[in-house]
Amino acid sequence: MSCPICQSDTDAKYRPFCSKRCADVDLARWFNGGYAVPSRDPDDAEKAIEEIETLIEAEQRKPH
């Protein structure tokens, strides 16, 4: 089995990863939403659009 992050051989101590570093990279991806499952719910899409519009409006109000 190879490490899902860097494809090196795994280490039993960090399985399925090869090292603590790769395990931490994977954990960071979870925390940052890198593994998020997209939703097909129309309400979720509308909410996401509203959030983006709010962020754009806030960015436009900032002084440059």
PDB file of N, CA and C in Angstrom:
ATOM      1  N   MET A   1       0.841  -1.179   0.000  1.00  0.00           N
ATOM      2  CA  MET A   1       0.000   0.000   0.000  1.00  0.00           C
ATOM      3  C   MET A   1       0.877   1.230   0.000  1.00  0.00           C
ATOM      4  N   SER A   2       0.481   2.236  -0.758  1.00  0.00           N
ATOM      5  CA  SER A   2       1.259   3.470  -0.801  1.00  0.00           C
ATOM      6  C   SER A   2       0.516   4.604  -0.095  1.00  0.00           C
ATOM      7  N   CYS A   3       1.269   5.570   0.348  1.00  0.00           N
ATOM      8  CA  CYS A   3       0.732   6.734   1.047  1.00  0.00           C
ATOM      9  C   CYS A   3      -0.186   7.507   0.092  1.00  0.00           C
ATOM     10  N   PRO A   4      -1.398   7.853   0.529  1.00  0.00           N
ATOM     11  CA  PRO A   4      -2.309   8.578  -0.351  1.00  0.00           C
ATOM     12  C   PRO A   4      -1.873  10.022  -0.629  1.00  0.00           C
ATOM     13  N   ILE A   5      -0.923  10.524   0.133  1.00  0.00           N
ATOM     14  CA  ILE A   5      -0.467  11.901  -0.070  1.00  0.00           C
ATOM     15  C   ILE A   5       0.726  11.957  -1.020  1.00  0.00           C
ATOM     16  N   CYS A   6       1.768  11.148  -0.755  1.00  0.00           N
ATOM     17  CA  CYS A   6       2.998  11.255  -1.551  1.00  0.00           C
ATOM     18  C   CYS A   6       3.351   9.988  -2.333  1.00  0.00           C
ATOM     19  N   GLN A   7       2.564   8.950  -2.175  1.00  0.00           N
ATOM     20  CA  GLN A   7       2.752   7.675  -2.882  1.00  0.00           C
ATOM     21  C   GLN A   7       3.956   6.864  -2.407  1.00  0.00           C
ATOM     22  N   SER A   8       4.617   7.240  -1.312  1.00  0.00           N
ATOM     23  CA  SER A   8       5.716   6.449  -0.743  1.00  0.00           C
ATOM     24  C   SER A   8       5.143   5.228  -0.035  1.00  0.00           C
ATOM     25  N   ASP A   9       6.024   4.285   0.327  1.00  0.00           N
ATOM     26  CA  ASP A   9       5.583   3.129   1.102  1.00  0.00           C
ATOM     27  C   ASP A   9       5.089   3.597   2.466  1.00  0.00           C
ATOM     28  N   THR A  10       4.071   2.932   2.982  1.00  0.00           N
ATOM     29  CA  THR A  10       3.513   3.338   4.269  1.00  0.00           C
ATOM     30  C   THR A  10       4.355   2.831   5.425  1.00  0.00           C
ATOM     31  N   ASP A  11       4.188   3.485   6.557  1.00  0.00           N
ATOM     32  CA  ASP A  11       4.842   3.095   7.798  1.00  0.00           C
ATOM     33  C   ASP A  11       3.730   2.631   8.733  1.00  0.00           C
ATOM     34  N   ALA A  12       3.904   1.481   9.362  1.00  0.00           N
ATOM     35  CA  ALA A  12       2.870   0.919  10.232  1.00  0.00           C
ATOM     36  C   ALA A  12       2.459   1.906  11.333  1.00  0.00           C
ATOM     37  N   LYS A  13       3.392   2.713  11.790  1.00  0.00           N
ATOM     38  CA  LYS A  13       3.109   3.674  12.855  1.00  0.00           C
ATOM     39  C   LYS A  13       2.116   4.745  12.390  1.00  0.00           C
ATOM     40  N   TYR A  14       2.144   5.105  11.115  1.00  0.00           N
ATOM     41  CA  TYR A  14       1.311   6.196  10.596  1.00  0.00           C
ATOM     42  C   TYR A  14       0.295   5.712   9.567  1.00  0.00           C
ATOM     43  N   ARG A  15       0.117   4.429   9.445  1.00  0.00           N
ATOM     44  CA  ARG A  15      -0.744   3.840   8.428  1.00  0.00           C
ATOM     45  C   ARG A  15      -2.083   4.549   8.327  1.00  0.00           C
ATOM     46  N   PRO A  16      -2.563   4.922   7.189  1.00  0.00           N
ATOM     47  CA  PRO A  16      -2.150   4.545   5.841  1.00  0.00           C
ATOM     48  C   PRO A  16      -1.115   5.497   5.245  1.00  0.00           C
ATOM     49  N   PHE A  17      -0.514   6.338   6.076  1.00  0.00           N
ATOM     50  CA  PHE A  17       0.464   7.310   5.587  1.00  0.00           C
ATOM     51  C   PHE A  17       1.888   6.814   5.796  1.00  0.00           C
ATOM     52  N   CYS A  18       2.828   7.530   5.223  1.00  0.00           N
ATOM     53  CA  CYS A  18       4.234   7.139   5.360  1.00  0.00           C
ATOM     54  C   CYS A  18       4.913   7.851   6.519  1.00  0.00           C
ATOM     55  N   SER A  19       4.328   8.963   6.959  1.00  0.00           N
ATOM     56  CA  SER A  19       4.963   9.766   8.001  1.00  0.00           C
ATOM     57  C   SER A  19       3.927  10.643   8.692  1.00  0.00           C
ATOM     58  N   LYS A  20       4.355  11.248   9.790  1.00  0.00           N
ATOM     59  CA  LYS A  20       3.484  12.195  10.497  1.00  0.00           C
ATOM     60  C   LYS A  20       3.185  13.382   9.607  1.00  0.00           C
ATOM     61  N   ARG A  21       4.159  13.805   8.815  1.00  0.00           N
ATOM     62  CA  ARG A  21       3.958  14.940   7.916  1.00  0.00           C
ATOM     63  C   ARG A  21       2.791  14.686   6.970  1.00  0.00           C
ATOM     64  N   CYS A  22       2.766  13.540   6.318  1.00  0.00           N
ATOM     65  CA  CYS A  22       1.683  13.240   5.385  1.00  0.00           C
ATOM     66  C   CYS A  22       0.349  13.094   6.118  1.00  0.00           C
ATOM     67  N   ALA A  23       0.379  12.539   7.327  1.00  0.00           N
ATOM     68  CA  ALA A  23      -0.854  12.451   8.119  1.00  0.00           C
ATOM     69  C   ALA A  23      -1.365  13.847   8.446  1.00  0.00           C
ATOM     70  N   ASP A  24      -0.446  14.764   8.769  1.00  0.00           N
ATOM     71  CA  ASP A  24      -0.835  16.143   9.069  1.00  0.00           C
ATOM     72  C   ASP A  24      -1.354  16.872   7.824  1.00  0.00           C
ATOM     73  N   VAL A  25      -0.759  16.604   6.673  1.00  0.00           N
ATOM     74  CA  VAL A  25      -1.237  17.196   5.420  1.00  0.00           C
ATOM     75  C   VAL A  25      -2.676  16.756   5.171  1.00  0.00           C
ATOM     76  N   ASP A  26      -2.948  15.482   5.378  1.00  0.00           N
ATOM     77  CA  ASP A  26      -4.297  14.952   5.190  1.00  0.00           C
ATOM     78  C   ASP A  26      -5.278  15.610   6.166  1.00  0.00           C
ATOM     79  N   LEU A  27      -4.881  15.733   7.421  1.00  0.00           N
ATOM     80  CA  LEU A  27      -5.735  16.352   8.426  1.00  0.00           C
ATOM     81  C   LEU A  27      -6.028  17.810   8.061  1.00  0.00           C
ATOM     82  N   ALA A  28      -5.016  18.516   7.587  1.00  0.00           N
ATOM     83  CA  ALA A  28      -5.215  19.913   7.170  1.00  0.00           C
ATOM     84  C   ALA A  28      -6.203  20.002   6.014  1.00  0.00           C
ATOM     85  N   ARG A  29      -6.161  19.057   5.113  1.00  0.00           N
ATOM     86  CA  ARG A  29      -7.123  19.055   4.002  1.00  0.00           C
ATOM     87  C   ARG A  29      -8.543  18.886   4.525  1.00  0.00           C
ATOM     88  N   TRP A  30      -8.727  18.048   5.535  1.00  0.00           N
ATOM     89  CA  TRP A  30     -10.054  17.895   6.138  1.00  0.00           C
ATOM     90  C   TRP A  30     -10.489  19.205   6.781  1.00  0.00           C
ATOM     91  N   PHE A  31      -9.593  19.819   7.570  1.00  0.00           N
ATOM     92  CA  PHE A  31      -9.932  21.065   8.262  1.00  0.00           C
ATOM     93  C   PHE A  31     -10.250  22.196   7.289  1.00  0.00           C
ATOM     94  N   ASN A  32      -9.540  22.251   6.173  1.00  0.00           N
ATOM     95  CA  ASN A  32      -9.724  23.332   5.205  1.00  0.00           C
ATOM     96  C   ASN A  32     -10.819  23.059   4.186  1.00  0.00           C
ATOM     97  N   GLY A  33     -11.503  21.944   4.307  1.00  0.00           N
ATOM     98  CA  GLY A  33     -12.603  21.632   3.403  1.00  0.00           C
ATOM     99  C   GLY A  33     -12.177  21.035   2.085  1.00  0.00           C
ATOM    100  N   GLY A  34     -10.945  20.585   1.997  1.00  0.00           N
ATOM    101  CA  GLY A  34     -10.446  20.003   0.761  1.00  0.00           C
ATOM    102  C   GLY A  34     -11.129  18.695   0.384  1.00  0.00           C
ATOM    103  N   TYR A  35     -11.743  18.045   1.362  1.00  0.00           N
ATOM    104  CA  TYR A  35     -12.424  16.788   1.098  1.00  0.00           C
ATOM    105  C   TYR A  35     -13.940  16.937   1.167  1.00  0.00           C
ATOM    106  N   ALA A  36     -14.439  18.135   1.068  1.00  0.00           N
ATOM    107  CA  ALA A  36     -15.883  18.366   1.171  1.00  0.00           C
ATOM    108  C   ALA A  36     -16.626  17.685   0.023  1.00  0.00           C
ATOM    109  N   VAL A  37     -17.782  17.169   0.347  1.00  0.00           N
ATOM    110  CA  VAL A  37     -18.628  16.522  -0.654  1.00  0.00           C
ATOM    111  C   VAL A  37     -19.614  17.569  -1.171  1.00  0.00           C
ATOM    112  N   PRO A  38     -19.647  17.790  -2.478  1.00  0.00           N
ATOM    113  CA  PRO A  38     -20.562  18.807  -3.003  1.00  0.00           C
ATOM    114  C   PRO A  38     -22.017  18.386  -2.810  1.00  0.00           C
ATOM    115  N   SER A  39     -22.855  19.361  -2.575  1.00  0.00           N
ATOM    116  CA  SER A  39     -24.278  19.100  -2.373  1.00  0.00           C
ATOM    117  C   SER A  39     -25.046  19.420  -3.644  1.00  0.00           C
ATOM    118  N   ARG A  40     -26.103  18.678  -3.878  1.00  0.00           N
ATOM    119  CA  ARG A  40     -26.982  18.943  -5.017  1.00  0.00           C
ATOM    120  C   ARG A  40     -28.311  19.536  -4.553  1.00  0.00           C
ATOM    121  N   ASP A  41     -28.389  19.864  -3.272  1.00  0.00           N
ATOM    122  CA  ASP A  41     -29.595  20.448  -2.709  1.00  0.00           C
ATOM    123  C   ASP A  41     -29.703  21.907  -3.171  1.00  0.00           C
ATOM    124  N   PRO A  42     -30.798  22.293  -3.831  1.00  0.00           N
ATOM    125  CA  PRO A  42     -30.940  23.671  -4.327  1.00  0.00           C
ATOM    126  C   PRO A  42     -30.853  24.711  -3.219  1.00  0.00           C
ATOM    127  N   ASP A  43     -31.318  24.378  -2.021  1.00  0.00           N
ATOM    128  CA  ASP A  43     -31.228  25.335  -0.915  1.00  0.00           C
ATOM    129  C   ASP A  43     -29.774  25.615  -0.554  1.00  0.00           C
ATOM    130  N   ASP A  44     -28.926  24.589  -0.621  1.00  0.00           N
ATOM    131  CA  ASP A  44     -27.503  24.781  -0.345  1.00  0.00           C
ATOM    132  C   ASP A  44     -26.874  25.694  -1.393  1.00  0.00           C
ATOM    133  N   ALA A  45     -27.265  25.533  -2.635  1.00  0.00           N
ATOM    134  CA  ALA A  45     -26.718  26.362  -3.716  1.00  0.00           C
ATOM    135  C   ALA A  45     -27.118  27.821  -3.516  1.00  0.00           C
ATOM    136  N   GLU A  46     -28.364  28.055  -3.165  1.00  0.00           N
ATOM    137  CA  GLU A  46     -28.818  29.425  -2.929  1.00  0.00           C
ATOM    138  C   GLU A  46     -28.075  30.052  -1.755  1.00  0.00           C
ATOM    139  N   LYS A  47     -27.879  29.293  -0.702  1.00  0.00           N
ATOM    140  CA  LYS A  47     -27.152  29.792   0.466  1.00  0.00           C
ATOM    141  C   LYS A  47     -25.707  30.135   0.090  1.00  0.00           C
ATOM    142  N   ALA A  48     -25.075  29.286  -0.702  1.00  0.00           N
ATOM    143  CA  ALA A  48     -23.694  29.535  -1.124  1.00  0.00           C
ATOM    144  C   ALA A  48     -23.611  30.802  -1.966  1.00  0.00           C
ATOM    145  N   ILE A  49     -24.564  30.997  -2.854  1.00  0.00           N
ATOM    146  CA  ILE A  49     -24.580  32.202  -3.690  1.00  0.00           C
ATOM    147  C   ILE A  49     -24.745  33.444  -2.821  1.00  0.00           C
ATOM    148  N   GLU A  50     -25.633  33.390  -1.842  1.00  0.00           N
ATOM    149  CA  GLU A  50     -25.821  34.520  -0.933  1.00  0.00           C
ATOM    150  C   GLU A  50     -24.543  34.825  -0.157  1.00  0.00           C
ATOM    151  N   GLU A  51     -23.849  33.786   0.300  1.00  0.00           N
ATOM    152  CA  GLU A  51     -22.605  33.989   1.043  1.00  0.00           C
ATOM    153  C   GLU A  51     -21.538  34.628   0.158  1.00  0.00           C
ATOM    154  N   ILE A  52     -21.444  34.189  -1.074  1.00  0.00           N
ATOM    155  CA  ILE A  52     -20.468  34.767  -2.003  1.00  0.00           C
ATOM    156  C   ILE A  52     -20.794  36.229  -2.270  1.00  0.00           C
ATOM    157  N   GLU A  53     -22.078  36.532  -2.485  1.00  0.00           N
ATOM    158  CA  GLU A  53     -22.480  37.918  -2.725  1.00  0.00           C
ATOM    159  C   GLU A  53     -22.167  38.793  -1.521  1.00  0.00           C
ATOM    160  N   THR A  54     -22.373  38.261  -0.319  1.00  0.00           N
ATOM    161  CA  THR A  54     -22.057  39.004   0.904  1.00  0.00           C
ATOM    162  C   THR A  54     -20.559  39.275   0.983  1.00  0.00           C
ATOM    163  N   LEU A  55     -19.753  38.275   0.655  1.00  0.00           N
ATOM    164  CA  LEU A  55     -18.296  38.466   0.678  1.00  0.00           C
ATOM    165  C   LEU A  55     -17.853  39.497  -0.351  1.00  0.00           C
ATOM    166  N   ILE A  56     -18.451  39.461  -1.525  1.00  0.00           N
ATOM    167  CA  ILE A  56     -18.096  40.426  -2.578  1.00  0.00           C
ATOM    168  C   ILE A  56     -18.462  41.830  -2.136  1.00  0.00           C
ATOM    169  N   GLU A  57     -19.652  41.999  -1.565  1.00  0.00           N
ATOM    170  CA  GLU A  57     -20.077  43.318  -1.091  1.00  0.00           C
ATOM    171  C   GLU A  57     -19.155  43.829   0.000  1.00  0.00           C
ATOM    172  N   ALA A  58     -18.768  42.964   0.925  1.00  0.00           N
ATOM    173  CA  ALA A  58     -17.868  43.353   2.000  1.00  0.00           C
ATOM    174  C   ALA A  58     -16.505  43.760   1.442  1.00  0.00           C
ATOM    175  N   GLU A  59     -16.037  43.035   0.444  1.00  0.00           N
ATOM    176  CA  GLU A  59     -14.740  43.351  -0.166  1.00  0.00           C
ATOM    177  C   GLU A  59     -14.797  44.697  -0.881  1.00  0.00           C
ATOM    178  N   GLN A  60     -15.907  44.997  -1.497  1.00  0.00           N
ATOM    179  CA  GLN A  60     -16.042  46.260  -2.216  1.00  0.00           C
ATOM    180  C   GLN A  60     -16.110  47.447  -1.263  1.00  0.00           C
ATOM    181  N   ARG A  61     -16.575  47.229  -0.035  1.00  0.00           N
ATOM    182  CA  ARG A  61     -16.661  48.313   0.952  1.00  0.00           C
ATOM    183  C   ARG A  61     -15.335  48.617   1.605  1.00  0.00           C
ATOM    184  N   LYS A  62     -14.379  47.712   1.495  1.00  0.00           N
ATOM    185  CA  LYS A  62     -13.067  47.932   2.118  1.00  0.00           C
ATOM    186  C   LYS A  62     -12.319  49.032   1.385  1.00  0.00           C
ATOM    187  N   PRO A  63     -11.666  49.917   2.141  1.00  0.00           N
ATOM    188  CA  PRO A  63     -10.816  50.923   1.489  1.00  0.00           C
ATOM    189  C   PRO A  63      -9.567  50.264   0.922  1.00  0.00           C
ATOM    190  N   HIS A  64      -9.149  50.723  -0.202  1.00  0.00           N
ATOM    191  CA  HIS A  64      -7.986  50.097  -0.856  1.00  0.00           C
ATOM    192  C   HIS A  64      -6.713  50.696  -0.394  1.00  0.00           C
TER     193      HIS A  64
END
